[in-house]
């Protein structure tokens, strides 16, 4: 009952803070056949360990079962000075979780509308690749499943800095006609830098060997492709088509511009480029050089709104009875594409390791009890979102593990996210055993 009251208070707080009417329902774990005492004990223990070991200063865990939020709890503080406690309505930098919450739903809908074909050369849509011998035959299916042989990443920050100082050719501290894209407070990038990014991506090397190799490169060009094919700018399109219908009001780019009453959790103390704690602006440097609106990173959200979009996927494209993306397309995107090449990936989505259910917790990814139908993505800042249609379970973990430095890797070393996710599957088994 205590947990149920806490969740109800969270619901009313969301409404009070200007979110509007929340579409999420709340209940207790016991009401959906899960061992509540087991969950509370295990999750509190894992989170206490994580904070004690400086895996993160604070974090949130939200879990939905059978379309209802059954657990949402905040732990720790925004920073290690223990001044600002983590609140249930705090906004986090999603990092690479952006890939499945920004460009991916748009690409799905474009496939639905037959404006994109997964097996047609991507160069049919992204014309600069038609002239590149190593890229002209690559398909969107290969690209989204990280099977295309593209380089993993280009550090564009190296193009705007030299010997620890910014190049005035590309960066200014005040806007003018040629420098209108805001990167951070007091930092503006040259208007044509985006074209330079595209040129470098277009000219990047491609491996002849087609095997699993994670690459975020095309997610930096997807915003322009989506705008080209929809006739609407990328940010407006995904907001109007997806976020508004599902009521995900904080899911968006550049929250510092939006005037939210929610607290925005800080990311890293950037000693290289921004020379301050990055807060309210995207942590990822490549996305920041795009003005914070990108496909590789840049989205922010509350745990509540992250649950909404993951439930949209778990429901195979349906929101409040409306089929926004066809069930067939969502199932295709959430299916492993190249298992014969030991590539676990779906289309944009991450999937469990092949044979994950046979692995010990320390070796598994994600939790070994997740079903093969499950899918999601992780983020560099310490975020994780996963949906499991077989068990009707959505798991959200939001943290700022990069504070004060990205060198903090205890989140991975302690296997925090996998261990937490496993608890909720074990709670289903424990409750069944007791009954």
Protein backbone atom coordinates (compact mmCIF):
# COMPACT_ATOMS: atom_id res chain seq x y z
CA UNK A 1 0.00 0.00 0.00
CA UNK A 2 2.85 2.38 0.85
CA UNK A 3 4.37 1.86 -2.62
CA UNK A 4 0.98 2.33 -4.26
CA UNK A 5 0.47 5.66 -2.48
CA UNK A 6 3.98 6.76 -3.52
CA UNK A 7 3.18 6.02 -7.16
CA UNK A 8 -0.11 7.90 -6.95
CA UNK A 9 1.71 10.89 -5.50
CA UNK A 10 4.14 10.71 -8.42
CA UNK A 11 1.20 10.75 -10.83
CA UNK A 12 -0.35 13.83 -9.26
CA UNK A 13 3.04 15.54 -9.13
CA UNK A 14 3.44 14.98 -12.88
CA UNK A 15 0.09 16.61 -13.55
CA UNK A 16 0.81 19.46 -11.15
CA UNK A 17 4.16 20.22 -12.81
CA UNK A 18 2.53 20.96 -16.11
CA UNK A 19 2.83 17.63 -17.89
CA UNK A 20 -0.89 17.62 -18.58
CA UNK A 21 -2.93 14.46 -18.16
CA UNK A 22 -0.64 11.43 -17.96
CA UNK A 23 -1.68 8.39 -19.96
CA UNK A 24 0.26 6.05 -17.68
CA UNK A 25 -1.51 4.00 -15.04
CA UNK A 26 0.12 3.12 -11.74
CA UNK A 27 -0.26 0.12 -9.50
CA UNK A 28 1.79 -1.97 -7.09
CA UNK A 29 3.97 -4.95 -8.09
CA UNK A 30 1.76 -7.33 -6.11
CA UNK A 31 -1.26 -6.33 -8.19
CA UNK A 32 0.42 -7.73 -11.31
CA UNK A 33 1.73 -10.89 -9.68
CA UNK A 34 5.21 -9.74 -8.64
CA UNK A 35 6.96 -10.10 -5.28
CA UNK A 36 6.98 -6.53 -3.95
CA UNK A 37 9.18 -7.13 -0.90
CA UNK A 38 11.77 -8.89 -3.04
CA UNK A 39 11.87 -5.99 -5.52
CA UNK A 40 12.24 -3.34 -2.83
CA UNK A 41 15.01 -5.18 -1.03
CA UNK A 42 17.06 -6.12 -4.11
CA UNK A 43 16.73 -2.83 -5.99
CA UNK A 44 17.55 -0.74 -2.92
CA UNK A 45 20.60 -2.92 -2.27
CA UNK A 46 21.94 -2.64 -5.85
CA UNK A 47 21.33 1.12 -6.04
CA UNK A 48 22.95 1.74 -2.64
CA UNK A 49 26.02 -0.18 -3.83
CA UNK A 50 26.12 1.80 -7.09
CA UNK A 51 26.07 5.15 -5.30
CA UNK A 52 28.56 4.03 -2.65
CA UNK A 53 31.00 2.84 -5.34
CA UNK A 54 30.57 6.07 -7.37
CA UNK A 55 29.01 4.30 -10.34
CA UNK A 56 26.71 7.35 -10.45
CA UNK A 57 25.74 10.13 -8.01
CA UNK A 58 22.05 9.35 -8.44
CA UNK A 59 19.60 7.58 -10.70
CA UNK A 60 16.03 6.48 -11.35
CA UNK A 61 14.48 3.09 -11.97
CA UNK A 62 11.07 2.83 -13.61
CA UNK A 63 9.38 -0.44 -14.53
CA UNK A 64 6.03 -1.03 -16.21
CA UNK A 65 4.28 -4.41 -16.23
CA UNK A 66 1.14 -5.11 -18.24
CA UNK A 67 1.02 -1.45 -19.34
CA UNK A 68 1.08 -0.13 -15.76
CA UNK A 69 3.95 1.47 -13.87
CA UNK A 70 4.65 -0.82 -10.93
CA UNK A 71 7.91 0.71 -9.74
CA UNK A 72 9.37 4.21 -10.01
CA UNK A 73 11.94 5.30 -7.51
CA UNK A 74 14.69 7.91 -7.35
CA UNK A 75 18.03 7.39 -5.62
CA UNK A 76 20.89 9.64 -4.62
CA UNK A 77 21.68 13.15 -5.78
CA UNK A 78 22.44 15.07 -8.96
CA UNK A 79 26.09 15.39 -7.94
CA UNK A 80 28.39 13.95 -5.30
CA UNK A 81 28.07 17.08 -3.14
CA UNK A 82 24.64 15.68 -2.09
CA UNK A 83 22.83 19.02 -2.47
CA UNK A 84 20.07 18.30 -5.02
CA UNK A 85 18.24 14.98 -4.49
CA UNK A 86 17.13 13.12 -7.60
CA UNK A 87 13.42 13.77 -8.21
CA UNK A 88 10.95 11.53 -9.99
CA UNK A 89 10.29 14.24 -12.59
CA UNK A 90 13.93 15.07 -13.36
CA UNK A 91 15.02 15.26 -16.99
CA UNK A 92 18.00 13.24 -18.24
CA UNK A 93 20.28 13.35 -21.27
CA UNK A 94 19.43 10.08 -23.09
CA UNK A 95 22.65 9.92 -25.16
CA UNK A 96 22.46 7.00 -27.66
CA UNK A 97 18.97 6.03 -26.51
CA UNK A 98 18.16 8.94 -28.86
CA UNK A 99 18.80 6.56 -31.78
CA UNK A 100 15.69 4.50 -31.03
CA UNK A 101 13.53 7.39 -29.80
CA UNK A 102 14.38 10.05 -32.41
CA UNK A 103 15.16 8.94 -35.96
CA UNK A 104 14.03 5.32 -35.64
CA UNK A 105 10.25 5.81 -35.28
CA UNK A 106 10.41 8.23 -38.24
CA UNK A 107 12.29 5.70 -40.36
CA UNK A 108 9.71 3.04 -39.43
CA UNK A 109 6.87 5.25 -40.57
CA UNK A 110 8.67 6.08 -43.81
CA UNK A 111 9.09 2.35 -44.45
CA UNK A 112 5.37 1.93 -43.75
CA UNK A 113 4.58 4.65 -46.27
CA UNK A 114 6.94 3.03 -48.80
CA UNK A 115 9.07 6.17 -48.95
CA UNK A 116 11.98 4.03 -47.78
CA UNK A 117 12.87 0.45 -48.64
CA UNK A 118 15.10 -1.52 -46.30
CA UNK A 119 16.71 -3.49 -49.13
CA UNK A 120 17.14 -0.75 -51.72
CA UNK A 121 20.57 0.92 -51.81
CA UNK A 122 20.60 3.76 -49.31
CA UNK A 123 22.27 5.86 -52.02
CA UNK A 124 18.86 6.05 -53.75
CA UNK A 125 17.79 8.30 -50.89
CA UNK A 126 21.09 9.82 -49.73
CA UNK A 127 22.40 10.96 -53.10
CA UNK A 128 26.05 11.74 -52.17
CA UNK A 129 26.60 8.00 -51.63
CA UNK A 130 25.67 7.20 -55.23
CA UNK A 131 29.13 8.44 -56.25
CA UNK A 132 30.97 6.50 -53.53
CA UNK A 133 32.04 3.08 -54.77
CA UNK A 134 32.23 1.59 -51.25
CA UNK A 135 28.83 2.98 -50.19
CA UNK A 136 26.56 3.02 -53.25
CA UNK A 137 25.25 -0.54 -52.73
CA UNK A 138 24.81 -0.46 -48.94
CA UNK A 139 21.21 -0.97 -47.84
CA UNK A 140 19.32 0.58 -44.95
CA UNK A 141 18.92 -2.92 -43.49
CA UNK A 142 22.70 -3.34 -43.34
CA UNK A 143 23.18 0.16 -41.94
CA UNK A 144 20.57 -0.08 -39.18
CA UNK A 145 21.78 -3.51 -38.07
CA UNK A 146 25.41 -2.30 -38.01
CA UNK A 147 26.32 -4.79 -40.71
CA UNK A 148 27.47 -2.29 -43.35
CA UNK A 149 31.14 -1.95 -42.36
CA UNK A 150 30.91 1.78 -41.63
CA UNK A 151 33.44 3.34 -39.25
CA UNK A 152 32.05 3.57 -35.71
CA UNK A 153 32.52 7.29 -35.08
CA UNK A 154 34.16 10.47 -36.34
CA UNK A 155 35.30 12.90 -33.63
CA UNK A 156 34.20 16.18 -35.20
CA UNK A 157 35.44 18.09 -32.17
CA UNK A 158 38.95 17.51 -33.56
CA UNK A 159 37.96 19.60 -36.59
CA UNK A 160 37.04 22.66 -34.53
CA UNK A 161 39.89 22.52 -32.02
CA UNK A 162 43.69 22.56 -32.21
CA UNK A 163 46.15 22.32 -29.33
CA UNK A 164 43.32 22.62 -26.83
CA UNK A 165 41.90 25.82 -28.33
CA UNK A 166 38.89 26.34 -30.59
CA UNK A 167 39.47 27.41 -34.17
CA UNK A 168 37.86 30.80 -34.74
CA UNK A 169 37.21 29.72 -38.30
CA UNK A 170 34.53 27.39 -36.92
CA UNK A 171 33.65 28.57 -33.40
CA UNK A 172 32.71 32.01 -32.00
CA UNK A 173 31.50 33.12 -28.57
CA UNK A 174 28.82 35.41 -30.01
CA UNK A 175 26.32 34.80 -32.80
CA UNK A 176 26.39 36.61 -36.13
CA UNK A 177 25.13 35.97 -39.65
CA UNK A 178 27.62 33.18 -40.28
CA UNK A 179 27.56 31.73 -36.74
CA UNK A 180 23.95 31.15 -35.73
CA UNK A 181 23.96 27.55 -34.46
CA UNK A 182 24.21 27.52 -30.69
CA UNK A 183 26.32 24.71 -29.28
CA UNK A 184 26.31 25.83 -25.64
CA UNK A 185 26.07 29.08 -23.70
CA UNK A 186 28.62 31.38 -25.34
CA UNK A 187 29.56 28.89 -28.08
CA UNK A 188 28.33 29.14 -31.68
CA UNK A 189 29.39 26.99 -34.64
CA UNK A 190 29.65 28.17 -38.22
CA UNK A 191 26.45 27.70 -40.23
CA UNK A 192 28.10 25.56 -42.90
CA UNK A 193 29.78 23.17 -40.45
CA UNK A 194 26.94 20.69 -40.88
CA UNK A 195 27.87 20.38 -44.57
CA UNK A 196 31.43 19.66 -43.50
CA UNK A 197 30.19 16.91 -41.18
CA UNK A 198 28.20 15.39 -44.03
CA UNK A 199 31.19 15.52 -46.37
CA UNK A 200 33.41 13.72 -43.88
CA UNK A 201 30.74 11.06 -43.32
CA UNK A 202 30.27 10.63 -47.06
CA UNK A 203 34.04 10.19 -47.54
CA UNK A 204 34.58 7.90 -44.57
CA UNK A 205 36.06 4.45 -45.14
CA UNK A 206 33.94 1.31 -45.39
CA UNK A 207 35.22 -2.14 -44.49
CA UNK A 208 34.86 -4.79 -47.18
CA UNK A 209 34.16 -7.32 -44.47
CA UNK A 210 30.46 -7.29 -43.66
CA UNK A 211 30.12 -8.26 -40.02
CA UNK A 212 28.78 -6.65 -36.87
CA UNK A 213 30.51 -3.31 -36.29
CA UNK A 214 28.59 -0.70 -34.34
CA UNK A 215 28.43 2.65 -36.13
CA UNK A 216 26.55 5.83 -35.28
CA UNK A 217 27.59 7.72 -38.43
CA UNK A 218 24.35 7.59 -40.40
CA UNK A 219 22.38 8.75 -37.37
CA UNK A 220 24.06 12.11 -37.98
CA UNK A 221 22.55 12.32 -41.48
CA UNK A 222 19.14 10.79 -40.72
CA UNK A 223 17.67 14.15 -39.57
CA UNK A 224 18.25 15.63 -43.03
CA UNK A 225 17.01 12.48 -44.76
CA UNK A 226 13.80 12.51 -42.66
CA UNK A 227 13.22 16.19 -43.42
CA UNK A 228 13.80 15.51 -47.12
CA UNK A 229 11.31 12.62 -47.27
CA UNK A 230 8.61 14.15 -45.04
CA UNK A 231 8.81 17.76 -46.14
CA UNK A 232 8.95 18.75 -42.45
CA UNK A 233 11.96 19.50 -40.30
CA UNK A 234 13.10 16.51 -38.27
CA UNK A 235 12.36 17.89 -34.80
CA UNK A 236 8.85 19.03 -35.71
CA UNK A 237 8.05 15.77 -37.49
CA UNK A 238 8.95 13.44 -34.62
CA UNK A 239 7.30 15.70 -32.04
CA UNK A 240 4.01 16.03 -33.90
CA UNK A 241 3.87 12.46 -35.23
CA UNK A 242 4.98 10.55 -32.15
CA UNK A 243 5.63 12.45 -28.93
CA UNK A 244 2.41 14.50 -28.84
CA UNK A 245 0.04 11.55 -29.49
CA UNK A 246 1.69 9.53 -26.72
CA UNK A 247 1.77 12.49 -24.31
CA UNK A 248 5.57 12.47 -23.98
CA UNK A 249 5.85 16.19 -23.27
CA UNK A 250 9.44 16.34 -22.02
CA UNK A 251 10.86 14.09 -24.73
CA UNK A 252 12.76 16.51 -26.94
CA UNK A 253 15.95 18.38 -27.73
CA UNK A 254 17.63 21.29 -25.92
CA UNK A 255 15.50 21.31 -22.75
CA UNK A 256 17.26 24.42 -21.45
CA UNK A 257 15.33 26.36 -24.11
CA UNK A 258 11.93 24.93 -23.16
CA UNK A 259 11.31 26.56 -19.79
CA UNK A 260 10.42 23.33 -17.97
CA UNK A 261 9.88 23.48 -14.23
CA UNK A 262 11.60 20.07 -14.03
CA UNK A 263 15.17 19.87 -12.83
CA UNK A 264 17.66 18.85 -15.55
CA UNK A 265 20.32 16.48 -14.28
CA UNK A 266 23.92 17.58 -15.07
CA UNK A 267 26.26 15.48 -17.19
CA UNK A 268 30.06 15.78 -17.36
CA UNK A 269 32.42 18.49 -16.19
CA UNK A 270 33.81 19.24 -19.66
CA UNK A 271 37.37 20.53 -19.28
CA UNK A 272 38.13 20.37 -23.03
CA UNK A 273 35.46 22.17 -25.06
CA UNK A 274 32.71 23.80 -22.99
CA UNK A 275 34.89 24.37 -19.89
CA UNK A 276 31.99 23.84 -17.49
CA UNK A 277 29.51 21.26 -16.24
CA UNK A 278 27.31 20.35 -19.20
CA UNK A 279 23.70 20.75 -18.12
CA UNK A 280 20.56 21.32 -20.18
CA UNK A 281 22.53 20.92 -23.41
CA UNK A 282 23.53 17.63 -25.01
CA UNK A 283 26.66 15.98 -23.65
CA UNK A 284 27.68 14.30 -26.93
CA UNK A 285 30.04 16.63 -28.81
CA UNK A 286 28.97 15.54 -32.30
CA UNK A 287 25.31 16.22 -31.50
CA UNK A 288 26.25 19.53 -29.88
CA UNK A 289 27.97 20.66 -33.09
CA UNK A 290 24.62 20.08 -34.81
CA UNK A 291 23.02 22.53 -32.39
CA UNK A 292 21.81 19.72 -30.12
CA UNK A 293 19.29 18.34 -32.63
CA UNK A 294 20.63 15.06 -33.97
CA UNK A 295 19.88 11.40 -34.50
CA UNK A 296 22.85 9.92 -32.65
CA UNK A 297 22.20 11.78 -29.36
CA UNK A 298 20.50 14.94 -28.11
CA UNK A 299 17.14 13.83 -26.76
CA UNK A 300 16.24 14.41 -23.12
CA UNK A 301 13.27 13.02 -21.18
CA UNK A 302 11.81 12.07 -17.84
CA UNK A 303 11.56 8.37 -16.95
CA UNK A 304 7.78 8.73 -17.26
CA UNK A 305 8.02 9.87 -20.88
CA UNK A 306 10.62 7.24 -21.71
CA UNK A 307 8.15 4.62 -20.50
CA UNK A 308 5.55 6.00 -22.90
CA UNK A 309 7.68 5.56 -26.00
CA UNK A 310 8.89 2.11 -24.94
CA UNK A 311 5.27 1.06 -24.34
CA UNK A 312 4.52 2.33 -27.86
CA UNK A 313 7.11 -0.12 -29.16
CA UNK A 314 6.00 -2.91 -26.85
CA UNK A 315 2.47 -2.41 -28.20
CA UNK A 316 3.92 -2.76 -31.70
CA UNK A 317 3.25 0.78 -32.87
CA UNK A 318 -0.07 1.45 -31.17
CA UNK A 319 -0.88 4.50 -28.99
CA UNK A 320 -4.29 4.83 -27.30
CA UNK A 321 -5.88 2.52 -29.86
CA UNK A 322 -4.31 4.27 -32.87
CA UNK A 323 -1.83 2.32 -35.00
CA UNK A 324 0.82 4.99 -35.69
CA UNK A 325 3.28 2.49 -37.17
CA UNK A 326 2.16 -0.88 -38.48
CA UNK A 327 2.66 -3.94 -36.26
CA UNK A 328 4.44 -5.68 -39.13
CA UNK A 329 7.04 -2.91 -39.42
CA UNK A 330 7.74 -2.70 -35.68
CA UNK A 331 8.17 -6.47 -35.52
CA UNK A 332 10.59 -6.35 -38.45
CA UNK A 333 12.67 -3.62 -36.80
CA UNK A 334 12.77 -5.48 -33.46
CA UNK A 335 13.90 -8.80 -34.96
CA UNK A 336 17.52 -9.95 -35.21
CA UNK A 337 18.60 -9.42 -38.83
CA UNK A 338 21.89 -11.30 -39.23
CA UNK A 339 22.10 -14.06 -36.59
CA UNK A 340 24.16 -16.21 -38.97
CA UNK A 341 26.92 -13.59 -38.66
CA UNK A 342 26.71 -13.61 -34.85
CA UNK A 343 25.14 -10.15 -35.06
CA UNK A 344 22.49 -9.76 -32.36
CA UNK A 345 21.14 -6.42 -33.60
CA UNK A 346 17.69 -5.60 -34.89
CA UNK A 347 17.11 -2.56 -37.10
CA UNK A 348 18.36 0.26 -34.89
CA UNK A 349 17.43 -1.68 -31.78
CA UNK A 350 19.81 -3.61 -29.61
CA UNK A 351 18.82 -7.17 -28.77
CA UNK A 352 19.93 -9.76 -26.18
CA UNK A 353 23.19 -11.54 -26.84
CA UNK A 354 22.64 -14.68 -28.91
CA UNK A 355 22.29 -17.46 -26.33
CA UNK A 356 21.81 -14.87 -23.57
CA UNK A 357 19.50 -17.13 -21.57
CA UNK A 358 22.35 -19.63 -21.09
CA UNK A 359 24.75 -17.07 -19.61
CA UNK A 360 25.50 -16.13 -16.02
CA UNK A 361 24.39 -12.67 -14.92
CA UNK A 362 27.95 -11.31 -15.08
CA UNK A 363 28.31 -12.33 -18.74
CA UNK A 364 24.78 -11.61 -19.98
CA UNK A 365 23.42 -8.60 -21.87
CA UNK A 366 20.88 -7.54 -20.88
CA UNK A 367 19.42 -9.65 -18.02
CA UNK A 368 19.54 -13.37 -18.86
CA UNK A 369 15.83 -13.79 -18.10
CA UNK A 370 14.75 -11.32 -20.81
CA UNK A 371 13.04 -12.97 -23.77
CA UNK A 372 14.55 -13.19 -27.27
CA UNK A 373 11.72 -10.89 -28.41
CA UNK A 374 12.94 -8.06 -26.17
CA UNK A 375 14.79 -5.00 -27.44
CA UNK A 376 16.08 -1.58 -26.43
CA UNK A 377 19.24 0.51 -26.29
CA UNK A 378 21.77 1.93 -23.86
CA UNK A 379 23.24 5.43 -23.63
CA UNK A 380 26.76 6.66 -22.91
CA UNK A 381 25.60 9.01 -20.14
CA UNK A 382 24.34 6.01 -18.15
CA UNK A 383 20.86 5.46 -19.56
CA UNK A 384 19.05 2.30 -20.59
CA UNK A 385 15.60 1.53 -22.00
CA UNK A 386 14.29 -1.98 -22.74
CA UNK A 387 10.93 -3.47 -23.69
CA UNK A 388 9.91 -7.11 -23.55
CA UNK A 389 6.63 -7.88 -25.36
CA UNK A 390 6.64 -11.50 -24.21
CA UNK A 391 6.55 -10.56 -20.53
CA UNK A 392 4.92 -7.15 -21.08
CA UNK A 393 7.75 -5.58 -19.13
CA UNK A 394 9.38 -2.19 -19.76
CA UNK A 395 12.55 -1.34 -17.86
CA UNK A 396 13.95 2.22 -17.70
CA UNK A 397 17.19 3.23 -15.98
CA UNK A 398 18.32 6.85 -16.04
CA UNK A 399 21.57 8.05 -14.51
CA UNK A 400 24.37 10.55 -15.07
CA UNK A 401 27.27 8.15 -14.63
CA UNK A 402 29.50 10.57 -16.63
CA UNK A 403 29.45 13.06 -13.73
CA UNK A 404 31.97 14.44 -13.06
CA UNK A 405 33.95 12.49 -15.68
CA UNK A 406 33.26 9.93 -18.40
CA UNK A 407 36.16 7.96 -16.92
CA UNK A 408 33.75 6.70 -14.25
CA UNK A 409 33.04 3.16 -15.49
CA UNK A 410 31.77 1.43 -12.35
CA UNK A 411 28.26 1.32 -13.86
CA UNK A 412 29.63 -1.24 -16.33
CA UNK A 413 32.05 -2.96 -13.98
CA UNK A 414 29.35 -3.59 -11.36
CA UNK A 415 26.84 -4.59 -14.06
CA UNK A 416 24.24 -2.38 -12.37
CA UNK A 417 21.66 -2.14 -15.16
CA UNK A 418 21.64 -5.85 -15.96
CA UNK A 419 21.41 -6.80 -12.27
CA UNK A 420 18.50 -4.40 -11.71
CA UNK A 421 16.59 -5.63 -14.74
CA UNK A 422 17.04 -9.25 -13.63
CA UNK A 423 15.38 -8.47 -10.29
CA UNK A 424 12.01 -7.78 -11.91
CA UNK A 425 12.01 -11.06 -13.82
CA UNK A 426 13.01 -12.93 -10.68
CA UNK A 427 10.18 -11.17 -8.82
CA UNK A 428 7.68 -12.74 -11.24
CA UNK A 429 9.14 -16.18 -10.57
CA UNK A 430 9.33 -15.64 -6.82
CA UNK A 431 5.71 -14.58 -6.59
CA UNK A 432 4.62 -17.62 -8.62
CA UNK A 433 6.63 -19.92 -6.35
CA UNK A 434 5.04 -18.41 -3.21
CA UNK A 435 1.56 -18.82 -4.65
